[in-house]
Protein backbone atom coordinates (compact mmCIF):
# COMPACT_ATOMS: atom_id res chain seq x y z
CA MET A 1 64.79 -37.68 16.26
CA VAL A 2 68.26 -37.63 18.39
CA SER A 3 67.25 -33.94 19.37
CA LEU A 4 64.03 -35.48 20.81
CA LEU A 5 65.50 -38.70 22.04
CA ASN A 6 67.95 -36.86 24.22
CA ARG A 7 64.86 -34.43 25.71
CA ALA A 8 62.75 -37.64 26.36
CA HIS A 9 65.78 -38.82 28.59
CA THR A 10 66.30 -36.19 29.92
CA ALA A 11 62.51 -36.17 31.17
CA SER A 12 62.90 -39.59 32.32
CA VAL A 13 66.06 -38.88 34.47
CA ALA A 14 63.87 -35.91 36.21
CA GLY A 15 60.61 -38.00 36.49
CA ASP A 16 59.36 -35.24 34.35
CA GLN A 17 56.21 -36.27 33.10
CA ALA A 18 54.51 -33.29 31.40
CA GLU A 19 58.26 -32.82 29.69
CA ALA A 20 57.68 -36.15 28.37
CA LEU A 21 54.63 -35.35 27.00
CA ASP A 22 56.05 -32.63 25.30
CA VAL A 23 58.31 -34.87 23.36
CA LEU A 24 56.01 -37.17 22.53
CA LEU A 25 53.59 -34.18 20.92
CA ALA A 26 57.28 -33.22 19.27
CA LEU A 27 57.94 -36.91 18.14
CA GLU A 28 54.42 -36.82 16.06
CA ARG A 29 54.87 -33.83 14.81
CA TYR A 30 58.09 -34.75 13.37
CA THR A 31 57.70 -38.01 12.42
CA GLU A 32 54.41 -37.08 10.24
CA ILE A 33 56.23 -34.59 7.83
CA HIS A 34 59.39 -37.19 8.09
CA PHE A 35 57.58 -40.44 7.53
CA ALA A 36 55.16 -38.65 4.34
CA HIS A 37 58.81 -37.39 2.96
CA GLU A 38 60.27 -41.10 3.65
CA GLU A 39 57.12 -42.49 1.83
CA ALA A 40 56.68 -40.08 -1.30
CA LEU A 41 60.53 -41.30 -1.71
CA MET A 42 59.86 -45.02 -1.38
CA ASP A 43 57.52 -45.07 -4.11
CA GLU A 44 59.60 -42.13 -6.58
CA ILE A 45 61.03 -45.29 -6.28
CA ALA A 46 59.40 -47.94 -6.86
CA TYR A 47 60.64 -49.54 -3.55
CA GLU A 48 60.66 -53.00 -3.42
CA PHE A 49 59.59 -53.42 0.60
CA THR A 50 57.70 -49.86 0.66
CA ALA A 51 54.54 -51.87 2.70
CA ILE A 52 56.46 -53.38 5.53
CA HIS A 53 58.30 -50.44 6.05
CA CYS A 54 55.16 -48.48 6.21
CA SER A 55 53.69 -50.57 8.48
CA GLU A 56 56.57 -50.03 10.82
CA HIS A 57 55.81 -46.00 10.89
CA ARG A 58 51.86 -46.77 11.14
CA GLN A 59 53.10 -48.86 14.44
CA LEU A 60 54.64 -45.90 15.62
CA PHE A 61 52.36 -43.40 15.05
CA PHE A 62 50.31 -45.66 16.94
CA ASP A 63 52.12 -46.59 19.86
CA VAL A 64 53.17 -42.90 19.99
CA LYS A 65 48.95 -41.87 20.31
CA ASN A 66 48.67 -44.59 22.97
CA MET A 67 51.39 -43.00 25.08
CA ILE A 68 49.68 -39.35 24.17
CA ASP A 69 46.65 -40.68 25.37
CA ASP A 70 48.08 -42.39 28.57
CA SER A 71 49.59 -39.41 29.79
CA SER A 72 46.57 -37.55 29.94
CA PHE A 73 45.33 -40.06 32.58
CA GLY A 74 48.62 -39.15 33.85
CA THR A 75 49.46 -43.03 33.68
CA THR A 76 52.80 -41.59 31.07
CA ASP A 77 55.56 -44.43 32.46
CA VAL A 78 58.80 -41.01 31.60
CA ALA A 79 61.00 -43.76 31.84
CA ALA A 80 59.09 -46.27 29.14
CA VAL A 81 58.76 -43.43 26.55
CA SER A 82 62.87 -42.78 26.68
CA GLN A 83 63.89 -47.01 26.32
CA PHE A 84 60.63 -47.15 23.81
CA MET A 85 62.21 -44.01 21.57
CA GLN A 86 66.05 -45.58 21.64
CA ARG A 87 64.67 -49.20 21.08
CA TRP A 88 62.85 -47.95 17.80
CA LEU A 89 65.04 -45.40 16.57
CA LEU A 90 67.94 -48.16 16.76
CA ARG A 91 66.44 -51.20 15.56
CA HIS A 92 64.01 -48.59 12.58
CA ILE A 93 67.26 -46.80 11.39
CA ALA A 94 69.42 -50.31 11.50
CA GLY A 95 66.83 -51.73 9.67
CA PRO A 96 64.68 -50.47 7.15
CA ASP A 97 66.03 -47.41 6.94
CA LEU A 98 69.37 -49.28 6.00
CA LEU A 99 67.56 -50.95 3.66
CA LEU A 100 66.15 -47.78 2.37
CA GLY A 101 69.56 -46.04 1.96
CA GLU A 102 70.41 -49.29 -0.07
CA ALA A 103 67.96 -48.81 -2.16
CA LEU A 104 68.88 -45.13 -2.63
CA ALA A 105 72.43 -45.71 -3.30
CA ARG A 106 71.75 -47.73 -6.73
CA VAL A 107 68.38 -45.48 -7.97
CA GLY A 108 70.77 -42.83 -7.56
CA PRO A 109 69.42 -39.01 -7.02
CA THR A 110 65.87 -38.65 -7.03
CA SER A 111 63.99 -35.58 -6.59
CA LEU A 112 63.08 -35.90 -2.95
CA LEU A 113 66.55 -36.27 -1.65
CA PRO A 114 67.66 -33.67 1.12
CA THR A 115 68.81 -30.31 -0.94
CA SER A 116 72.32 -29.20 -0.20
CA ALA A 117 71.29 -27.25 2.76
CA GLY A 118 69.70 -30.09 4.27
CA SER A 119 66.21 -29.71 4.13
CA TYR A 120 63.60 -32.05 2.74
CA PRO A 121 61.59 -30.66 -0.19
CA LEU A 122 58.31 -31.68 0.67
CA SER A 123 58.79 -30.78 4.58
CA GLY A 124 56.96 -27.84 6.57
CA SER A 125 58.33 -25.83 9.65
CA VAL A 126 58.34 -28.23 12.75
CA GLN A 127 59.15 -27.19 15.90
CA GLU A 128 60.02 -29.63 18.83
CA GLY A 129 57.96 -27.80 21.01
CA GLY A 130 58.83 -27.63 25.13
């Protein structure tokens, strides 16, 4: 996700609308896999804030899809893509993800946590595009 954020920033500085679209498409693919894993993890531990957390995921999908649709009309604000990603990521990590991490720490090991190699048991291969 940080790599995508860096690419969005570079596209913003360069005013590169094509790269901004590539970043959005990669973000859409990445979050689809990442959120599916995170939501399965929440289900596994019967996380009390699953509905709220998942609603943020759905809102991100909606917002990213709208930006992708806008780019097909050549109206993507490249700087706005970078700013949007930065704000969303920082707010989501500092809020809902932090709370989920605390819940996971209380519950202990689960079958869906990343392996020692850092891969997620449910994840497939995701290419960033570009």
